[in-house]
PDB file of N, CA and C in Angstrom:
ATOM      1  N   MET A   1     -43.173  99.460 185.037  1.00  0.00           N
ATOM      2  CA  MET A   1     -42.405  98.723 186.007  1.00  0.00           C
ATOM      3  C   MET A   1     -43.321  98.339 187.175  1.00  0.00           C
ATOM      4  N   MET A   2     -42.982  97.225 187.811  1.00  0.00           N
ATOM      5  CA  MET A   2     -43.757  96.807 188.977  1.00  0.00           C
ATOM      6  C   MET A   2     -42.803  96.465 190.118  1.00  0.00           C
ATOM      7  N   PRO A   3     -43.189  96.831 191.343  1.00  0.00           N
ATOM      8  CA  PRO A   3     -42.331  96.535 192.499  1.00  0.00           C
ATOM      9  C   PRO A   3     -42.383  95.048 192.837  1.00  0.00           C
ATOM     10  N   ILE A   4     -41.345  94.580 193.477  1.00  0.00           N
ATOM     11  CA  ILE A   4     -41.269  93.190 193.940  1.00  0.00           C
ATOM     12  C   ILE A   4     -41.449  93.191 195.451  1.00  0.00           C
ATOM     13  N   GLN A   5     -42.352  92.356 195.938  1.00  0.00           N
ATOM     14  CA  GLN A   5     -42.618  92.270 197.374  1.00  0.00           C
ATOM     15  C   GLN A   5     -41.346  91.882 198.120  1.00  0.00           C
ATOM     16  N   ASP A   6     -41.074  92.530 199.233  1.00  0.00           N
ATOM     17  CA  ASP A   6     -39.896  92.281 200.081  1.00  0.00           C
ATOM     18  C   ASP A   6     -38.579  92.575 199.367  1.00  0.00           C
ATOM     19  N   SER A   7     -38.595  93.491 198.401  1.00  0.00           N
ATOM     20  CA  SER A   7     -37.388  93.861 197.661  1.00  0.00           C
ATOM     21  C   SER A   7     -37.441  95.355 197.334  1.00  0.00           C
ATOM     22  N   THR A   8     -36.270  95.927 197.049  1.00  0.00           N
ATOM     23  CA  THR A   8     -36.216  97.341 196.683  1.00  0.00           C
ATOM     24  C   THR A   8     -36.176  97.531 195.171  1.00  0.00           C
ATOM     25  N   ILE A   9     -36.186  96.432 194.397  1.00  0.00           N
ATOM     26  CA  ILE A   9     -36.091  96.548 192.945  1.00  0.00           C
ATOM     27  C   ILE A   9     -37.471  96.497 192.298  1.00  0.00           C
ATOM     28  N   GLN A  10     -37.494  96.867 191.027  1.00  0.00           N
ATOM     29  CA  GLN A  10     -38.684  96.751 190.194  1.00  0.00           C
ATOM     30  C   GLN A  10     -38.297  96.000 188.928  1.00  0.00           C
ATOM     31  N   ILE A  11     -39.271  95.327 188.321  1.00  0.00           N
ATOM     32  CA  ILE A  11     -39.041  94.628 187.054  1.00  0.00           C
ATOM     33  C   ILE A  11     -40.109  95.064 186.056  1.00  0.00           C
ATOM     34  N   PRO A  12     -39.850  94.906 184.748  1.00  0.00           N
ATOM     35  CA  PRO A  12     -40.874  95.249 183.754  1.00  0.00           C
ATOM     36  C   PRO A  12     -42.159  94.448 183.978  1.00  0.00           C
ATOM     37  N   VAL A  13     -43.294  95.070 183.745  1.00  0.00           N
ATOM     38  CA  VAL A  13     -44.606  94.462 183.981  1.00  0.00           C
ATOM     39  C   VAL A  13     -44.775  93.150 183.201  1.00  0.00           C
ATOM     40  N   ASP A  14     -44.293  93.073 181.975  1.00  0.00           N
ATOM     41  CA  ASP A  14     -44.502  91.894 181.133  1.00  0.00           C
ATOM     42  C   ASP A  14     -43.417  90.826 181.278  1.00  0.00           C
ATOM     43  N   THR A  15     -42.714  90.793 182.404  1.00  0.00           N
ATOM     44  CA  THR A  15     -41.648  89.818 182.620  1.00  0.00           C
ATOM     45  C   THR A  15     -42.217  88.422 182.808  1.00  0.00           C
ATOM     46  N   ARG A  16     -41.679  87.457 182.058  1.00  0.00           N
ATOM     47  CA  ARG A  16     -42.098  86.056 182.197  1.00  0.00           C
ATOM     48  C   ARG A  16     -41.327  85.360 183.319  1.00  0.00           C
ATOM     49  N   LEU A  17     -40.023  85.615 183.420  1.00  0.00           N
ATOM     50  CA  LEU A  17     -39.187  84.965 184.418  1.00  0.00           C
ATOM     51  C   LEU A  17     -38.147  85.947 184.923  1.00  0.00           C
ATOM     52  N   ALA A  18     -37.983  86.018 186.231  1.00  0.00           N
ATOM     53  CA  ALA A  18     -36.976  86.896 186.828  1.00  0.00           C
ATOM     54  C   ALA A  18     -36.331  86.194 188.012  1.00  0.00           C
ATOM     55  N   MET A  19     -35.081  86.521 188.246  1.00  0.00           N
ATOM     56  CA  MET A  19     -34.367  86.037 189.428  1.00  0.00           C
ATOM     57  C   MET A  19     -33.987  87.252 190.271  1.00  0.00           C
ATOM     58  N   ILE A  20     -34.263  87.178 191.542  1.00  0.00           N
ATOM     59  CA  ILE A  20     -33.832  88.210 192.478  1.00  0.00           C
ATOM     60  C   ILE A  20     -32.583  87.654 193.144  1.00  0.00           C
ATOM     61  N   ALA A  21     -31.479  88.393 193.056  1.00  0.00           N
ATOM     62  CA  ALA A  21     -30.203  87.880 193.544  1.00  0.00           C
ATOM     63  C   ALA A  21     -29.468  88.937 194.360  1.00  0.00           C
ATOM     64  N   THR A  22     -28.587  88.453 195.247  1.00  0.00           N
ATOM     65  CA  THR A  22     -27.723  89.312 196.051  1.00  0.00           C
ATOM     66  C   THR A  22     -26.292  89.080 195.616  1.00  0.00           C
ATOM     67  N   LEU A  23     -25.598  90.163 195.276  1.00  0.00           N
ATOM     68  CA  LEU A  23     -24.195  90.065 194.884  1.00  0.00           C
ATOM     69  C   LEU A  23     -23.370  89.719 196.110  1.00  0.00           C
ATOM     70  N   LYS A  24     -22.582  88.654 196.026  1.00  0.00           N
ATOM     71  CA  LYS A  24     -21.741  88.203 197.131  1.00  0.00           C
ATOM     72  C   LYS A  24     -20.280  88.596 196.941  1.00  0.00           C
ATOM     73  N   GLN A  25     -19.815  88.545 195.675  1.00  0.00           N
ATOM     74  CA  GLN A  25     -18.405  88.834 195.422  1.00  0.00           C
ATOM     75  C   GLN A  25     -18.189  89.103 193.948  1.00  0.00           C
ATOM     76  N   SER A  26     -17.229  89.988 193.638  1.00  0.00           N
ATOM     77  CA  SER A  26     -16.823  90.250 192.255  1.00  0.00           C
ATOM     78  C   SER A  26     -15.325  90.011 192.161  1.00  0.00           C
ATOM     79  N   LEU A  27     -14.918  89.236 191.148  1.00  0.00           N
ATOM     80  CA  LEU A  27     -13.509  88.888 190.970  1.00  0.00           C
ATOM     81  C   LEU A  27     -13.059  89.240 189.571  1.00  0.00           C
ATOM     82  N   GLU A  28     -11.850  89.784 189.449  1.00  0.00           N
ATOM     83  CA  GLU A  28     -11.261  89.989 188.131  1.00  0.00           C
ATOM     84  C   GLU A  28     -10.703  88.656 187.650  1.00  0.00           C
ATOM     85  N   VAL A  29     -11.130  88.251 186.476  1.00  0.00           N
ATOM     86  CA  VAL A  29     -10.686  86.995 185.870  1.00  0.00           C
ATOM     87  C   VAL A  29     -10.184  87.345 184.473  1.00  0.00           C
ATOM     88  N   GLY A  30      -8.878  87.551 184.338  1.00  0.00           N
ATOM     89  CA  GLY A  30      -8.334  87.994 183.061  1.00  0.00           C
ATOM     90  C   GLY A  30      -8.897  89.364 182.737  1.00  0.00           C
ATOM     91  N   ASP A  31      -9.487  89.501 181.544  1.00  0.00           N
ATOM     92  CA  ASP A  31     -10.078  90.787 181.153  1.00  0.00           C
ATOM     93  C   ASP A  31     -11.591  90.822 181.389  1.00  0.00           C
ATOM     94  N   HIS A  32     -12.080  89.942 182.267  1.00  0.00           N
ATOM     95  CA  HIS A  32     -13.502  89.878 182.607  1.00  0.00           C
ATOM     96  C   HIS A  32     -13.682  90.077 184.106  1.00  0.00           C
ATOM     97  N   ILE A  33     -14.905  90.325 184.511  1.00  0.00           N
ATOM     98  CA  ILE A  33     -15.241  90.372 185.929  1.00  0.00           C
ATOM     99  C   ILE A  33     -16.290  89.302 186.183  1.00  0.00           C
ATOM    100  N   LEU A  34     -16.009  88.416 187.138  1.00  0.00           N
ATOM    101  CA  LEU A  34     -16.916  87.336 187.521  1.00  0.00           C
ATOM    102  C   LEU A  34     -17.709  87.799 188.732  1.00  0.00           C
ATOM    103  N   HIS A  35     -19.038  87.802 188.599  1.00  0.00           N
ATOM    104  CA  HIS A  35     -19.912  88.192 189.705  1.00  0.00           C
ATOM    105  C   HIS A  35     -20.507  86.927 190.311  1.00  0.00           C
ATOM    106  N   ILE A  36     -20.304  86.737 191.595  1.00  0.00           N
ATOM    107  CA  ILE A  36     -20.842  85.579 192.314  1.00  0.00           C
ATOM    108  C   ILE A  36     -22.045  86.065 193.113  1.00  0.00           C
ATOM    109  N   CYS A  37     -23.197  85.451 192.832  1.00  0.00           N
ATOM    110  CA  CYS A  37     -24.447  85.898 193.449  1.00  0.00           C
ATOM    111  C   CYS A  37     -25.150  84.751 194.157  1.00  0.00           C
ATOM    112  N   GLN A  38     -25.986  85.114 195.090  1.00  0.00           N
ATOM    113  CA  GLN A  38     -26.894  84.173 195.742  1.00  0.00           C
ATOM    114  C   GLN A  38     -28.284  84.461 195.199  1.00  0.00           C
ATOM    115  N   VAL A  39     -28.931  83.467 194.612  1.00  0.00           N
ATOM    116  CA  VAL A  39     -30.295  83.656 194.107  1.00  0.00           C
ATOM    117  C   VAL A  39     -31.244  83.568 195.296  1.00  0.00           C
ATOM    118  N   ASP A  40     -31.966  84.654 195.534  1.00  0.00           N
ATOM    119  CA  ASP A  40     -32.873  84.736 196.676  1.00  0.00           C
ATOM    120  C   ASP A  40     -34.289  84.298 196.329  1.00  0.00           C
ATOM    121  N   LYS A  41     -34.706  84.558 195.075  1.00  0.00           N
ATOM    122  CA  LYS A  41     -36.098  84.275 194.703  1.00  0.00           C
ATOM    123  C   LYS A  41     -36.207  84.158 193.187  1.00  0.00           C
ATOM    124  N   PHE A  42     -37.034  83.239 192.718  1.00  0.00           N
ATOM    125  CA  PHE A  42     -37.423  83.142 191.309  1.00  0.00           C
ATOM    126  C   PHE A  42     -38.866  83.616 191.200  1.00  0.00           C
ATOM    127  N   LEU A  43     -39.139  84.400 190.177  1.00  0.00           N
ATOM    128  CA  LEU A  43     -40.509  84.853 189.914  1.00  0.00           C
ATOM    129  C   LEU A  43     -40.880  84.434 188.505  1.00  0.00           C
ATOM    130  N   GLY A  44     -42.079  83.916 188.319  1.00  0.00           N
ATOM    131  CA  GLY A  44     -42.506  83.507 186.989  1.00  0.00           C
ATOM    132  C   GLY A  44     -43.981  83.764 186.766  1.00  0.00           C
ATOM    133  N   ASP A  45     -44.306  84.058 185.520  1.00  0.00           N
ATOM    134  CA  ASP A  45     -45.696  84.271 185.121  1.00  0.00           C
ATOM    135  C   ASP A  45     -45.888  83.606 183.762  1.00  0.00           C
ATOM    136  N   GLU A  46     -46.447  82.399 183.767  1.00  0.00           N
ATOM    137  CA  GLU A  46     -46.600  81.632 182.534  1.00  0.00           C
ATOM    138  C   GLU A  46     -47.587  82.255 181.558  1.00  0.00           C
ATOM    139  N   SER A  47     -48.359  83.230 181.996  1.00  0.00           N
ATOM    140  CA  SER A  47     -49.296  83.880 181.075  1.00  0.00           C
ATOM    141  C   SER A  47     -48.589  84.879 180.155  1.00  0.00           C
ATOM    142  N   LYS A  48     -47.348  85.234 180.466  1.00  0.00           N
ATOM    143  CA  LYS A  48     -46.571  86.175 179.639  1.00  0.00           C
ATOM    144  C   LYS A  48     -45.772  85.400 178.597  1.00  0.00           C
ATOM    145  N   LYS A  49     -45.584  85.983 177.433  1.00  0.00           N
ATOM    146  CA  LYS A  49     -44.785  85.353 176.378  1.00  0.00           C
ATOM    147  C   LYS A  49     -43.308  85.659 176.602  1.00  0.00           C
ATOM    148  N   GLY A  50     -42.468  84.640 176.427  1.00  0.00           N
ATOM    149  CA  GLY A  50     -41.031  84.852 176.531  1.00  0.00           C
ATOM    150  C   GLY A  50     -40.503  85.520 175.272  1.00  0.00           C
ATOM    151  N   LEU A  51     -39.603  86.462 175.434  1.00  0.00           N
ATOM    152  CA  LEU A  51     -39.000  87.144 174.297  1.00  0.00           C
ATOM    153  C   LEU A  51     -37.559  86.691 174.134  1.00  0.00           C
ATOM    154  N   TYR A  52     -37.106  86.615 172.886  1.00  0.00           N
ATOM    155  CA  TYR A  52     -35.757  86.165 172.558  1.00  0.00           C
ATOM    156  C   TYR A  52     -35.135  87.131 171.563  1.00  0.00           C
ATOM    157  N   ALA A  53     -33.818  87.193 171.586  1.00  0.00           N
ATOM    158  CA  ALA A  53     -33.100  88.049 170.631  1.00  0.00           C
ATOM    159  C   ALA A  53     -32.785  87.236 169.379  1.00  0.00           C
ATOM    160  N   TRP A  54     -33.010  87.817 168.209  1.00  0.00           N
ATOM    161  CA  TRP A  54     -32.786  87.182 166.920  1.00  0.00           C
ATOM    162  C   TRP A  54     -31.849  88.047 166.079  1.00  0.00           C
ATOM    163  N   ASN A  55     -31.216  87.435 165.111  1.00  0.00           N
ATOM    164  CA  ASN A  55     -30.374  88.153 164.138  1.00  0.00           C
ATOM    165  C   ASN A  55     -29.356  89.067 164.813  1.00  0.00           C
ATOM    166  N   GLY A  56     -28.577  88.473 165.723  1.00  0.00           N
ATOM    167  CA  GLY A  56     -27.546  89.260 166.385  1.00  0.00           C
ATOM    168  C   GLY A  56     -28.098  90.380 167.242  1.00  0.00           C
ATOM    169  N   PHE A  57     -29.207  90.138 167.889  1.00  0.00           N
ATOM    170  CA  PHE A  57     -29.879  91.102 168.762  1.00  0.00           C
ATOM    171  C   PHE A  57     -30.506  92.281 168.009  1.00  0.00           C
ATOM    172  N   SER A  58     -30.683  92.156 166.697  1.00  0.00           N
ATOM    173  CA  SER A  58     -31.317  93.247 165.955  1.00  0.00           C
ATOM    174  C   SER A  58     -32.844  93.157 166.018  1.00  0.00           C
ATOM    175  N   LYS A  59     -33.375  92.020 166.525  1.00  0.00           N
ATOM    176  CA  LYS A  59     -34.818  91.838 166.614  1.00  0.00           C
ATOM    177  C   LYS A  59     -35.149  91.103 167.907  1.00  0.00           C
ATOM    178  N   VAL A  60     -36.203  91.517 168.580  1.00  0.00           N
ATOM    179  CA  VAL A  60     -36.691  90.830 169.768  1.00  0.00           C
ATOM    180  C   VAL A  60     -38.092  90.346 169.474  1.00  0.00           C
ATOM    181  N   ALA A  61     -38.328  89.035 169.681  1.00  0.00           N
ATOM    182  CA  ALA A  61     -39.646  88.468 169.377  1.00  0.00           C
ATOM    183  C   ALA A  61     -39.829  87.175 170.164  1.00  0.00           C
ATOM    184  N   THR A  62     -41.059  86.653 170.158  1.00  0.00           N
ATOM    185  CA  THR A  62     -41.319  85.359 170.776  1.00  0.00           C
ATOM    186  C   THR A  62     -40.642  84.261 169.968  1.00  0.00           C
ATOM    187  N   ALA A  63     -40.530  83.082 170.565  1.00  0.00           N
ATOM    188  CA  ALA A  63     -39.875  81.970 169.870  1.00  0.00           C
ATOM    189  C   ALA A  63     -40.710  81.490 168.687  1.00  0.00           C
ATOM    190  N   ILE A  64     -42.035  81.577 168.813  1.00  0.00           N
ATOM    191  CA  ILE A  64     -42.936  81.186 167.718  1.00  0.00           C
ATOM    192  C   ILE A  64     -43.667  82.421 167.258  1.00  0.00           C
ATOM    193  N   GLU A  65     -43.436  82.819 166.026  1.00  0.00           N
ATOM    194  CA  GLU A  65     -44.110  83.998 165.501  1.00  0.00           C
ATOM    195  C   GLU A  65     -45.243  83.560 164.570  1.00  0.00           C
ATOM    196  N   GLY A  66     -46.380  84.212 164.684  1.00  0.00           N
ATOM    197  CA  GLY A  66     -47.546  83.820 163.921  1.00  0.00           C
ATOM    198  C   GLY A  66     -47.715  84.560 162.661  1.00  0.00           C
TER     199      GLY A  66
END
């Protein structure tokens, strides 16, 4: 894990894209809860490979496998 500057959270070291957000409100909507957030910061590192879930989340891999 790595700390985020000016934040109390940490994210995984190999993260390609992250959003730092502040929860503003939570509402019950039927049998769901809607979380309304303010996005404070986007972080990105294009040198990292993006990972995706495949086969109903039974596999995690890059979009292009070699």
